Amino acid sequence: MLLLVWILNAVALLVVAYLLPGITVASFGSALIAALVLGLLNAIVKPLLVLLTLPLTVVTLGLFLLVLNALVFWFAGSILKGFQVDGFWWAVIGAIVYSIVSTALSGLLLS
């Protein structure tokens, strides 16, 4: 099941790269690696960032979480060779679209 979710997240990244010109994924292999790195960053780094920025998140009524998602997405694009995000605003839009597509594909899997 975990392997299938990983593959679906890679497909979601390919969909995002297809829809948004500011995000590039070189191949399906690059998408698999990027999906793995995004999953690890979201599991390890993001909770720490959420905890450190909790006051700002409370003041903005949770909207700062969009910025954190974009920063993690942008960071993954900057450290991987086959996955590129062209700027912060592309990271914001890409993180939102990736979340929507990934949730939709996972919903199809579970139903």
PDB file of N, CA and C in Angstrom:
ATOM      1  N   MET A   1       0.823  -1.189   0.000  1.00  0.00           N
ATOM      2  CA  MET A   1       0.000   0.000   0.000  1.00  0.00           C
ATOM      3  C   MET A   1       0.874   1.262   0.000  1.00  0.00           C
ATOM      4  N   LEU A   2       1.932   1.279   0.814  1.00  0.00           N
ATOM      5  CA  LEU A   2       2.832   2.426   0.887  1.00  0.00           C
ATOM      6  C   LEU A   2       3.533   2.656  -0.452  1.00  0.00           C
ATOM      7  N   LEU A   3       3.901   1.571  -1.107  1.00  0.00           N
ATOM      8  CA  LEU A   3       4.534   1.670  -2.418  1.00  0.00           C
ATOM      9  C   LEU A   3       3.584   2.282  -3.443  1.00  0.00           C
ATOM     10  N   LEU A   4       2.325   1.902  -3.384  1.00  0.00           N
ATOM     11  CA  LEU A   4       1.339   2.443  -4.299  1.00  0.00           C
ATOM     12  C   LEU A   4       1.097   3.934  -4.057  1.00  0.00           C
ATOM     13  N   VAL A   5       1.072   4.355  -2.800  1.00  0.00           N
ATOM     14  CA  VAL A   5       0.918   5.777  -2.469  1.00  0.00           C
ATOM     15  C   VAL A   5       2.125   6.560  -2.975  1.00  0.00           C
ATOM     16  N   TRP A   6       3.307   5.995  -2.844  1.00  0.00           N
ATOM     17  CA  TRP A   6       4.524   6.639  -3.331  1.00  0.00           C
ATOM     18  C   TRP A   6       4.454   6.843  -4.855  1.00  0.00           C
ATOM     19  N   ILE A   7       4.013   5.816  -5.571  1.00  0.00           N
ATOM     20  CA  ILE A   7       3.881   5.914  -7.026  1.00  0.00           C
ATOM     21  C   ILE A   7       2.817   6.946  -7.399  1.00  0.00           C
ATOM     22  N   LEU A   8       1.701   6.975  -6.666  1.00  0.00           N
ATOM     23  CA  LEU A   8       0.658   7.961  -6.934  1.00  0.00           C
ATOM     24  C   LEU A   8       1.153   9.385  -6.680  1.00  0.00           C
ATOM     25  N   ASN A   9       1.965   9.575  -5.666  1.00  0.00           N
ATOM     26  CA  ASN A   9       2.543  10.897  -5.417  1.00  0.00           C
ATOM     27  C   ASN A   9       3.500  11.299  -6.540  1.00  0.00           C
ATOM     28  N   ALA A  10       4.232  10.340  -7.085  1.00  0.00           N
ATOM     29  CA  ALA A  10       5.103  10.632  -8.224  1.00  0.00           C
ATOM     30  C   ALA A  10       4.269  11.023  -9.444  1.00  0.00           C
ATOM     31  N   VAL A  11       3.165  10.322  -9.656  1.00  0.00           N
ATOM     32  CA  VAL A  11       2.262  10.669 -10.760  1.00  0.00           C
ATOM     33  C   VAL A  11       1.671  12.063 -10.537  1.00  0.00           C
ATOM     34  N   ALA A  12       1.338  12.379  -9.287  1.00  0.00           N
ATOM     35  CA  ALA A  12       0.816  13.713  -8.970  1.00  0.00           C
ATOM     36  C   ALA A  12       1.853  14.782  -9.300  1.00  0.00           C
ATOM     37  N   LEU A  13       3.118  14.510  -9.034  1.00  0.00           N
ATOM     38  CA  LEU A  13       4.176  15.462  -9.387  1.00  0.00           C
ATOM     39  C   LEU A  13       4.280  15.639 -10.900  1.00  0.00           C
ATOM     40  N   LEU A  14       4.125  14.562 -11.641  1.00  0.00           N
ATOM     41  CA  LEU A  14       4.147  14.663 -13.098  1.00  0.00           C
ATOM     42  C   LEU A  14       2.970  15.489 -13.609  1.00  0.00           C
ATOM     43  N   VAL A  15       1.807  15.325 -12.986  1.00  0.00           N
ATOM     44  CA  VAL A  15       0.627  16.111 -13.362  1.00  0.00           C
ATOM     45  C   VAL A  15       0.876  17.588 -13.082  1.00  0.00           C
ATOM     46  N   VAL A  16       1.457  17.888 -11.929  1.00  0.00           N
ATOM     47  CA  VAL A  16       1.765  19.283 -11.581  1.00  0.00           C
ATOM     48  C   VAL A  16       2.741  19.871 -12.590  1.00  0.00           C
ATOM     49  N   ALA A  17       3.764  19.112 -12.965  1.00  0.00           N
ATOM     50  CA  ALA A  17       4.742  19.596 -13.938  1.00  0.00           C
ATOM     51  C   ALA A  17       4.098  19.798 -15.307  1.00  0.00           C
ATOM     52  N   TYR A  18       3.122  18.982 -15.638  1.00  0.00           N
ATOM     53  CA  TYR A  18       2.416  19.128 -16.908  1.00  0.00           C
ATOM     54  C   TYR A  18       1.529  20.374 -16.906  1.00  0.00           C
ATOM     55  N   LEU A  19       0.889  20.645 -15.775  1.00  0.00           N
ATOM     56  CA  LEU A  19      -0.052  21.758 -15.692  1.00  0.00           C
ATOM     57  C   LEU A  19       0.627  23.115 -15.504  1.00  0.00           C
ATOM     58  N   LEU A  20       1.735  23.143 -14.800  1.00  0.00           N
ATOM     59  CA  LEU A  20       2.377  24.414 -14.448  1.00  0.00           C
ATOM     60  C   LEU A  20       3.724  24.555 -15.156  1.00  0.00           C
ATOM     61  N   PRO A  21       3.887  25.608 -15.944  1.00  0.00           N
ATOM     62  CA  PRO A  21       5.139  25.767 -16.682  1.00  0.00           C
ATOM     63  C   PRO A  21       6.348  26.114 -15.808  1.00  0.00           C
ATOM     64  N   GLY A  22       6.133  26.556 -14.571  1.00  0.00           N
ATOM     65  CA  GLY A  22       7.237  26.908 -13.692  1.00  0.00           C
ATOM     66  C   GLY A  22       7.804  25.746 -12.907  1.00  0.00           C
ATOM     67  N   ILE A  23       7.254  24.550 -13.130  1.00  0.00           N
ATOM     68  CA  ILE A  23       7.724  23.356 -12.418  1.00  0.00           C
ATOM     69  C   ILE A  23       8.095  22.309 -13.459  1.00  0.00           C
ATOM     70  N   THR A  24       9.284  21.748 -13.307  1.00  0.00           N
ATOM     71  CA  THR A  24       9.800  20.797 -14.287  1.00  0.00           C
ATOM     72  C   THR A  24      10.199  19.502 -13.588  1.00  0.00           C
ATOM     73  N   VAL A  25       9.770  18.383 -14.163  1.00  0.00           N
ATOM     74  CA  VAL A  25      10.211  17.065 -13.712  1.00  0.00           C
ATOM     75  C   VAL A  25      10.803  16.366 -14.927  1.00  0.00           C
ATOM     76  N   ALA A  26      12.041  15.917 -14.823  1.00  0.00           N
ATOM     77  CA  ALA A  26      12.770  15.378 -15.967  1.00  0.00           C
ATOM     78  C   ALA A  26      12.215  14.033 -16.441  1.00  0.00           C
ATOM     79  N   SER A  27      11.859  13.148 -15.509  1.00  0.00           N
ATOM     80  CA  SER A  27      11.412  11.805 -15.895  1.00  0.00           C
ATOM     81  C   SER A  27      10.581  11.211 -14.759  1.00  0.00           C
ATOM     82  N   PHE A  28      10.034  10.025 -15.020  1.00  0.00           N
ATOM     83  CA  PHE A  28       9.274   9.357 -13.969  1.00  0.00           C
ATOM     84  C   PHE A  28      10.192   8.963 -12.811  1.00  0.00           C
ATOM     85  N   GLY A  29      11.420   8.599 -13.113  1.00  0.00           N
ATOM     86  CA  GLY A  29      12.392   8.277 -12.058  1.00  0.00           C
ATOM     87  C   GLY A  29      12.683   9.488 -11.183  1.00  0.00           C
ATOM     88  N   SER A  30      12.809  10.635 -11.815  1.00  0.00           N
ATOM     89  CA  SER A  30      13.004  11.866 -11.044  1.00  0.00           C
ATOM     90  C   SER A  30      11.780  12.180 -10.194  1.00  0.00           C
ATOM     91  N   ALA A  31      10.601  11.905 -10.745  1.00  0.00           N
ATOM     92  CA  ALA A  31       9.370  12.119  -9.982  1.00  0.00           C
ATOM     93  C   ALA A  31       9.305  11.186  -8.780  1.00  0.00           C
ATOM     94  N   LEU A  32       9.757   9.951  -8.933  1.00  0.00           N
ATOM     95  CA  LEU A  32       9.780   9.013  -7.804  1.00  0.00           C
ATOM     96  C   LEU A  32      10.722   9.505  -6.705  1.00  0.00           C
ATOM     97  N   ILE A  33      11.890   9.963  -7.098  1.00  0.00           N
ATOM     98  CA  ILE A  33      12.853  10.468  -6.118  1.00  0.00           C
ATOM     99  C   ILE A  33      12.317  11.729  -5.446  1.00  0.00           C
ATOM    100  N   ALA A  34      11.726  12.622  -6.237  1.00  0.00           N
ATOM    101  CA  ALA A  34      11.171  13.863  -5.679  1.00  0.00           C
ATOM    102  C   ALA A  34      10.014  13.564  -4.730  1.00  0.00           C
ATOM    103  N   ALA A  35       9.169  12.602  -5.075  1.00  0.00           N
ATOM    104  CA  ALA A  35       8.062  12.232  -4.193  1.00  0.00           C
ATOM    105  C   ALA A  35       8.589  11.662  -2.875  1.00  0.00           C
ATOM    106  N   LEU A  36       9.650  10.882  -2.957  1.00  0.00           N
ATOM    107  CA  LEU A  36      10.259  10.326  -1.745  1.00  0.00           C
ATOM    108  C   LEU A  36      10.849  11.432  -0.880  1.00  0.00           C
ATOM    109  N   VAL A  37      11.584  12.355  -1.506  1.00  0.00           N
ATOM    110  CA  VAL A  37      12.195  13.457  -0.762  1.00  0.00           C
ATOM    111  C   VAL A  37      11.119  14.360  -0.157  1.00  0.00           C
ATOM    112  N   LEU A  38      10.077  14.665  -0.931  1.00  0.00           N
ATOM    113  CA  LEU A  38       8.979  15.476  -0.393  1.00  0.00           C
ATOM    114  C   LEU A  38       8.318  14.787   0.798  1.00  0.00           C
ATOM    115  N   GLY A  39       8.116  13.489   0.693  1.00  0.00           N
ATOM    116  CA  GLY A  39       7.533  12.742   1.813  1.00  0.00           C
ATOM    117  C   GLY A  39       8.422  12.788   3.047  1.00  0.00           C
ATOM    118  N   LEU A  40       9.725  12.634   2.854  1.00  0.00           N
ATOM    119  CA  LEU A  40      10.650  12.685   3.992  1.00  0.00           C
ATOM    120  C   LEU A  40      10.710  14.087   4.596  1.00  0.00           C
ATOM    121  N   LEU A  41      10.745  15.111   3.739  1.00  0.00           N
ATOM    122  CA  LEU A  41      10.761  16.488   4.255  1.00  0.00           C
ATOM    123  C   LEU A  41       9.470  16.799   5.017  1.00  0.00           C
ATOM    124  N   ASN A  42       8.348  16.338   4.485  1.00  0.00           N
ATOM    125  CA  ASN A  42       7.074  16.582   5.163  1.00  0.00           C
ATOM    126  C   ASN A  42       6.962  15.805   6.472  1.00  0.00           C
ATOM    127  N   ALA A  43       7.639  14.676   6.561  1.00  0.00           N
ATOM    128  CA  ALA A  43       7.567  13.878   7.784  1.00  0.00           C
ATOM    129  C   ALA A  43       8.574  14.324   8.840  1.00  0.00           C
ATOM    130  N   ILE A  44       9.725  14.858   8.424  1.00  0.00           N
ATOM    131  CA  ILE A  44      10.790  15.164   9.378  1.00  0.00           C
ATOM    132  C   ILE A  44      10.951  16.668   9.604  1.00  0.00           C
ATOM    133  N   VAL A  45      11.102  17.427   8.531  1.00  0.00           N
ATOM    134  CA  VAL A  45      11.431  18.849   8.648  1.00  0.00           C
ATOM    135  C   VAL A  45      10.189  19.705   8.917  1.00  0.00           C
ATOM    136  N   LYS A  46       9.100  19.415   8.212  1.00  0.00           N
ATOM    137  CA  LYS A  46       7.922  20.272   8.317  1.00  0.00           C
ATOM    138  C   LYS A  46       7.342  20.336   9.738  1.00  0.00           C
ATOM    139  N   PRO A  47       7.228  19.236  10.482  1.00  0.00           N
ATOM    140  CA  PRO A  47       6.706  19.368  11.855  1.00  0.00           C
ATOM    141  C   PRO A  47       7.556  20.285  12.733  1.00  0.00           C
ATOM    142  N   LEU A  48       8.855  20.249  12.535  1.00  0.00           N
ATOM    143  CA  LEU A  48       9.743  21.145  13.279  1.00  0.00           C
ATOM    144  C   LEU A  48       9.495  22.600  12.888  1.00  0.00           C
ATOM    145  N   LEU A  49       9.343  22.856  11.584  1.00  0.00           N
ATOM    146  CA  LEU A  49       9.044  24.210  11.120  1.00  0.00           C
ATOM    147  C   LEU A  49       7.691  24.704  11.639  1.00  0.00           C
ATOM    148  N   VAL A  50       6.713  23.814  11.653  1.00  0.00           N
ATOM    149  CA  VAL A  50       5.389  24.190  12.168  1.00  0.00           C
ATOM    150  C   VAL A  50       5.491  24.568  13.638  1.00  0.00           C
ATOM    151  N   LEU A  51       6.236  23.796  14.398  1.00  0.00           N
ATOM    152  CA  LEU A  51       6.401  24.090  15.822  1.00  0.00           C
ATOM    153  C   LEU A  51       7.129  25.421  16.042  1.00  0.00           C
ATOM    154  N   LEU A  52       8.173  25.665  15.263  1.00  0.00           N
ATOM    155  CA  LEU A  52       8.950  26.898  15.430  1.00  0.00           C
ATOM    156  C   LEU A  52       8.170  28.145  15.003  1.00  0.00           C
ATOM    157  N   THR A  53       7.271  27.989  14.060  1.00  0.00           N
ATOM    158  CA  THR A  53       6.516  29.143  13.551  1.00  0.00           C
ATOM    159  C   THR A  53       5.076  29.158  14.061  1.00  0.00           C
ATOM    160  N   LEU A  54       4.813  28.439  15.122  1.00  0.00           N
ATOM    161  CA  LEU A  54       3.451  28.353  15.651  1.00  0.00           C
ATOM    162  C   LEU A  54       2.843  29.717  15.987  1.00  0.00           C
ATOM    163  N   PRO A  55       3.565  30.630  16.627  1.00  0.00           N
ATOM    164  CA  PRO A  55       2.948  31.939  16.886  1.00  0.00           C
ATOM    165  C   PRO A  55       2.523  32.668  15.608  1.00  0.00           C
ATOM    166  N   LEU A  56       3.368  32.617  14.586  1.00  0.00           N
ATOM    167  CA  LEU A  56       3.029  33.257  13.317  1.00  0.00           C
ATOM    168  C   LEU A  56       1.837  32.563  12.646  1.00  0.00           C
ATOM    169  N   THR A  57       1.785  31.266  12.766  1.00  0.00           N
ATOM    170  CA  THR A  57       0.661  30.513  12.204  1.00  0.00           C
ATOM    171  C   THR A  57      -0.641  30.873  12.911  1.00  0.00           C
ATOM    172  N   VAL A  58      -0.589  31.039  14.216  1.00  0.00           N
ATOM    173  CA  VAL A  58      -1.787  31.412  14.973  1.00  0.00           C
ATOM    174  C   VAL A  58      -2.231  32.822  14.594  1.00  0.00           C
ATOM    175  N   VAL A  59      -1.298  33.744  14.482  1.00  0.00           N
ATOM    176  CA  VAL A  59      -1.628  35.130  14.149  1.00  0.00           C
ATOM    177  C   VAL A  59      -2.259  35.214  12.756  1.00  0.00           C
ATOM    178  N   THR A  60      -1.768  34.398  11.812  1.00  0.00           N
ATOM    179  CA  THR A  60      -2.304  34.438  10.453  1.00  0.00           C
ATOM    180  C   THR A  60      -3.468  33.462  10.260  1.00  0.00           C
ATOM    181  N   LEU A  61      -3.958  32.913  11.353  1.00  0.00           N
ATOM    182  CA  LEU A  61      -5.091  31.970  11.319  1.00  0.00           C
ATOM    183  C   LEU A  61      -4.812  30.764  10.422  1.00  0.00           C
ATOM    184  N   GLY A  62      -3.584  30.303  10.428  1.00  0.00           N
ATOM    185  CA  GLY A  62      -3.202  29.105   9.696  1.00  0.00           C
ATOM    186  C   GLY A  62      -2.732  29.337   8.281  1.00  0.00           C
ATOM    187  N   LEU A  63      -2.842  30.550   7.775  1.00  0.00           N
ATOM    188  CA  LEU A  63      -2.432  30.807   6.396  1.00  0.00           C
ATOM    189  C   LEU A  63      -0.922  30.662   6.198  1.00  0.00           C
ATOM    190  N   PHE A  64      -0.158  30.815   7.256  1.00  0.00           N
ATOM    191  CA  PHE A  64       1.293  30.658   7.133  1.00  0.00           C
ATOM    192  C   PHE A  64       1.672  29.215   6.789  1.00  0.00           C
ATOM    193  N   LEU A  65       0.780  28.268   7.047  1.00  0.00           N
ATOM    194  CA  LEU A  65       1.055  26.882   6.670  1.00  0.00           C
ATOM    195  C   LEU A  65       1.191  26.731   5.158  1.00  0.00           C
ATOM    196  N   LEU A  66       0.486  27.576   4.398  1.00  0.00           N
ATOM    197  CA  LEU A  66       0.664  27.573   2.940  1.00  0.00           C
ATOM    198  C   LEU A  66       2.085  27.977   2.567  1.00  0.00           C
ATOM    199  N   VAL A  67       2.612  28.950   3.287  1.00  0.00           N
ATOM    200  CA  VAL A  67       3.988  29.387   3.049  1.00  0.00           C
ATOM    201  C   VAL A  67       4.962  28.262   3.399  1.00  0.00           C
ATOM    202  N   LEU A  68       4.725  27.575   4.506  1.00  0.00           N
ATOM    203  CA  LEU A  68       5.600  26.461   4.882  1.00  0.00           C
ATOM    204  C   LEU A  68       5.554  25.346   3.843  1.00  0.00           C
ATOM    205  N   ASN A  69       4.353  25.016   3.349  1.00  0.00           N
ATOM    206  CA  ASN A  69       4.241  24.000   2.303  1.00  0.00           C
ATOM    207  C   ASN A  69       5.021  24.418   1.068  1.00  0.00           C
ATOM    208  N   ALA A  70       4.892  25.688   0.688  1.00  0.00           N
ATOM    209  CA  ALA A  70       5.605  26.187  -0.482  1.00  0.00           C
ATOM    210  C   ALA A  70       7.112  26.142  -0.270  1.00  0.00           C
ATOM    211  N   LEU A  71       7.574  26.497   0.917  1.00  0.00           N
ATOM    212  CA  LEU A  71       9.016  26.474   1.195  1.00  0.00           C
ATOM    213  C   LEU A  71       9.573  25.061   1.139  1.00  0.00           C
ATOM    214  N   VAL A  72       8.839  24.090   1.668  1.00  0.00           N
ATOM    215  CA  VAL A  72       9.289  22.698   1.608  1.00  0.00           C
ATOM    216  C   VAL A  72       9.311  22.225   0.154  1.00  0.00           C
ATOM    217  N   PHE A  73       8.283  22.563  -0.610  1.00  0.00           N
ATOM    218  CA  PHE A  73       8.202  22.199  -2.029  1.00  0.00           C
ATOM    219  C   PHE A  73       9.361  22.837  -2.802  1.00  0.00           C
ATOM    220  N   TRP A  74       9.602  24.119  -2.541  1.00  0.00           N
ATOM    221  CA  TRP A  74      10.675  24.849  -3.207  1.00  0.00           C
ATOM    222  C   TRP A  74      12.041  24.278  -2.825  1.00  0.00           C
ATOM    223  N   PHE A  75      12.215  23.937  -1.558  1.00  0.00           N
ATOM    224  CA  PHE A  75      13.476  23.353  -1.097  1.00  0.00           C
ATOM    225  C   PHE A  75      13.750  22.025  -1.791  1.00  0.00           C
ATOM    226  N   ALA A  76      12.716  21.202  -1.916  1.00  0.00           N
ATOM    227  CA  ALA A  76      12.889  19.920  -2.611  1.00  0.00           C
ATOM    228  C   ALA A  76      13.302  20.162  -4.062  1.00  0.00           C
ATOM    229  N   GLY A  77      12.706  21.173  -4.685  1.00  0.00           N
ATOM    230  CA  GLY A  77      13.084  21.501  -6.058  1.00  0.00           C
ATOM    231  C   GLY A  77      14.500  22.033  -6.185  1.00  0.00           C
ATOM    232  N   SER A  78      15.013  22.624  -5.123  1.00  0.00           N
ATOM    233  CA  SER A  78      16.364  23.183  -5.198  1.00  0.00           C
ATOM    234  C   SER A  78      17.451  22.145  -4.910  1.00  0.00           C
ATOM    235  N   ILE A  79      17.132  21.072  -4.209  1.00  0.00           N
ATOM    236  CA  ILE A  79      18.167  20.086  -3.881  1.00  0.00           C
ATOM    237  C   ILE A  79      18.183  18.901  -4.838  1.00  0.00           C
ATOM    238  N   LEU A  80      17.146  18.761  -5.653  1.00  0.00           N
ATOM    239  CA  LEU A  80      17.089  17.622  -6.579  1.00  0.00           C
ATOM    240  C   LEU A  80      17.404  18.078  -7.996  1.00  0.00           C
ATOM    241  N   LYS A  81      18.096  17.222  -8.740  1.00  0.00           N
ATOM    242  CA  LYS A  81      18.499  17.579 -10.090  1.00  0.00           C
ATOM    243  C   LYS A  81      17.351  17.480 -11.096  1.00  0.00           C
ATOM    244  N   GLY A  82      16.544  16.471 -11.033  1.00  0.00           N
ATOM    245  CA  GLY A  82      15.495  16.257 -12.027  1.00  0.00           C
ATOM    246  C   GLY A  82      14.179  16.923 -11.699  1.00  0.00           C
ATOM    247  N   PHE A  83      14.118  17.668 -10.604  1.00  0.00           N
ATOM    248  CA  PHE A  83      12.893  18.338 -10.169  1.00  0.00           C
ATOM    249  C   PHE A  83      13.238  19.796  -9.908  1.00  0.00           C
ATOM    250  N   GLN A  84      12.597  20.695 -10.659  1.00  0.00           N
ATOM    251  CA  GLN A  84      12.951  22.111 -10.568  1.00  0.00           C
ATOM    252  C   GLN A  84      11.701  22.955 -10.383  1.00  0.00           C
ATOM    253  N   VAL A  85      11.784  23.895  -9.440  1.00  0.00           N
ATOM    254  CA  VAL A  85      10.730  24.869  -9.193  1.00  0.00           C
ATOM    255  C   VAL A  85      11.346  26.242  -9.448  1.00  0.00           C
ATOM    256  N   ASP A  86      10.727  27.031 -10.330  1.00  0.00           N
ATOM    257  CA  ASP A  86      11.344  28.267 -10.816  1.00  0.00           C
ATOM    258  C   ASP A  86      11.242  29.459  -9.879  1.00  0.00           C
ATOM    259  N   GLY A  87      10.519  29.377  -8.816  1.00  0.00           N
ATOM    260  CA  GLY A  87      10.434  30.507  -7.899  1.00  0.00           C
ATOM    261  C   GLY A  87       9.432  30.240  -6.790  1.00  0.00           C
ATOM    262  N   PHE A  88       9.369  31.200  -5.868  1.00  0.00           N
ATOM    263  CA  PHE A  88       8.512  31.015  -4.698  1.00  0.00           C
ATOM    264  C   PHE A  88       7.039  30.900  -5.080  1.00  0.00           C
ATOM    265  N   TRP A  89       6.571  31.763  -5.986  1.00  0.00           N
ATOM    266  CA  TRP A  89       5.141  31.729  -6.333  1.00  0.00           C
ATOM    267  C   TRP A  89       4.776  30.466  -7.091  1.00  0.00           C
ATOM    268  N   TRP A  90       5.702  29.955  -7.903  1.00  0.00           N
ATOM    269  CA  TRP A  90       5.457  28.655  -8.528  1.00  0.00           C
ATOM    270  C   TRP A  90       5.420  27.556  -7.465  1.00  0.00           C
ATOM    271  N   ALA A  91       6.220  27.715  -6.422  1.00  0.00           N
ATOM    272  CA  ALA A  91       6.202  26.744  -5.331  1.00  0.00           C
ATOM    273  C   ALA A  91       4.869  26.784  -4.587  1.00  0.00           C
ATOM    274  N   VAL A  92       4.322  27.981  -4.381  1.00  0.00           N
ATOM    275  CA  VAL A  92       3.022  28.101  -3.710  1.00  0.00           C
ATOM    276  C   VAL A  92       1.946  27.408  -4.540  1.00  0.00           C
ATOM    277  N   ILE A  93       1.871  27.768  -5.817  1.00  0.00           N
ATOM    278  CA  ILE A  93       0.853  27.172  -6.690  1.00  0.00           C
ATOM    279  C   ILE A  93       1.098  25.670  -6.843  1.00  0.00           C
ATOM    280  N   GLY A  94       2.347  25.285  -7.015  1.00  0.00           N
ATOM    281  CA  GLY A  94       2.686  23.871  -7.173  1.00  0.00           C
ATOM    282  C   GLY A  94       2.342  23.046  -5.951  1.00  0.00           C
ATOM    283  N   ALA A  95       2.606  23.577  -4.765  1.00  0.00           N
ATOM    284  CA  ALA A  95       2.288  22.850  -3.536  1.00  0.00           C
ATOM    285  C   ALA A  95       0.776  22.667  -3.388  1.00  0.00           C
ATOM    286  N   ILE A  96       0.015  23.694  -3.759  1.00  0.00           N
ATOM    287  CA  ILE A  96      -1.446  23.590  -3.672  1.00  0.00           C
ATOM    288  C   ILE A  96      -1.971  22.562  -4.669  1.00  0.00           C
ATOM    289  N   VAL A  97      -1.509  22.658  -5.910  1.00  0.00           N
ATOM    290  CA  VAL A  97      -1.977  21.718  -6.943  1.00  0.00           C
ATOM    291  C   VAL A  97      -1.512  20.300  -6.618  1.00  0.00           C
ATOM    292  N   TYR A  98      -0.284  20.156  -6.154  1.00  0.00           N
ATOM    293  CA  TYR A  98       0.227  18.828  -5.774  1.00  0.00           C
ATOM    294  C   TYR A  98      -0.616  18.218  -4.668  1.00  0.00           C
ATOM    295  N   SER A  99      -0.979  19.027  -3.696  1.00  0.00           N
ATOM    296  CA  SER A  99      -1.810  18.536  -2.599  1.00  0.00           C
ATOM    297  C   SER A  99      -3.182  18.084  -3.100  1.00  0.00           C
ATOM    298  N   ILE A 100      -3.780  18.879  -3.979  1.00  0.00           N
ATOM    299  CA  ILE A 100      -5.105  18.538  -4.503  1.00  0.00           C
ATOM    300  C   ILE A 100      -5.049  17.260  -5.342  1.00  0.00           C
ATOM    301  N   VAL A 101      -4.082  17.187  -6.254  1.00  0.00           N
ATOM    302  CA  VAL A 101      -3.975  16.018  -7.133  1.00  0.00           C
ATOM    303  C   VAL A 101      -3.619  14.769  -6.330  1.00  0.00           C
ATOM    304  N   SER A 102      -2.704  14.907  -5.390  1.00  0.00           N
ATOM    305  CA  SER A 102      -2.306  13.766  -4.566  1.00  0.00           C
ATOM    306  C   SER A 102      -3.478  13.250  -3.726  1.00  0.00           C
ATOM    307  N   THR A 103      -4.247  14.167  -3.160  1.00  0.00           N
ATOM    308  CA  THR A 103      -5.418  13.770  -2.375  1.00  0.00           C
ATOM    309  C   THR A 103      -6.466  13.092  -3.259  1.00  0.00           C
ATOM    310  N   ALA A 104      -6.675  13.619  -4.455  1.00  0.00           N
ATOM    311  CA  ALA A 104      -7.641  13.018  -5.369  1.00  0.00           C
ATOM    312  C   ALA A 104      -7.226  11.618  -5.786  1.00  0.00           C
ATOM    313  N   LEU A 105      -5.947  11.446  -6.113  1.00  0.00           N
ATOM    314  CA  LEU A 105      -5.470  10.108  -6.501  1.00  0.00           C
ATOM    315  C   LEU A 105      -5.526   9.133  -5.339  1.00  0.00           C
ATOM    316  N   SER A 106      -5.189   9.592  -4.141  1.00  0.00           N
ATOM    317  CA  SER A 106      -5.282   8.723  -2.962  1.00  0.00           C
ATOM    318  C   SER A 106      -6.736   8.375  -2.657  1.00  0.00           C
ATOM    319  N   GLY A 107      -7.648   9.329  -2.882  1.00  0.00           N
ATOM    320  CA  GLY A 107      -9.069   9.047  -2.686  1.00  0.00           C
ATOM    321  C   GLY A 107      -9.581   7.992  -3.656  1.00  0.00           C
ATOM    322  N   LEU A 108      -9.083   8.033  -4.888  1.00  0.00           N
ATOM    323  CA  LEU A 108      -9.446   7.010  -5.858  1.00  0.00           C
ATOM    324  C   LEU A 108      -8.924   5.640  -5.432  1.00  0.00           C
ATOM    325  N   LEU A 109      -7.751   5.637  -4.838  1.00  0.00           N
ATOM    326  CA  LEU A 109      -7.141   4.386  -4.388  1.00  0.00           C
ATOM    327  C   LEU A 109      -7.941   3.750  -3.251  1.00  0.00           C
ATOM    328  N   LEU A 110      -8.395   4.582  -2.320  1.00  0.00           N
ATOM    329  CA  LEU A 110      -9.074   4.071  -1.129  1.00  0.00           C
ATOM    330  C   LEU A 110     -10.547   3.747  -1.364  1.00  0.00           C
ATOM    331  N   SER A 111     -11.115   4.248  -2.459  1.00  0.00           N
ATOM    332  CA  SER A 111     -12.539   3.977  -2.678  1.00  0.00           C
ATOM    333  C   SER A 111     -12.780   2.753  -3.537  1.00  0.00           C
TER     334      SER A 111
END
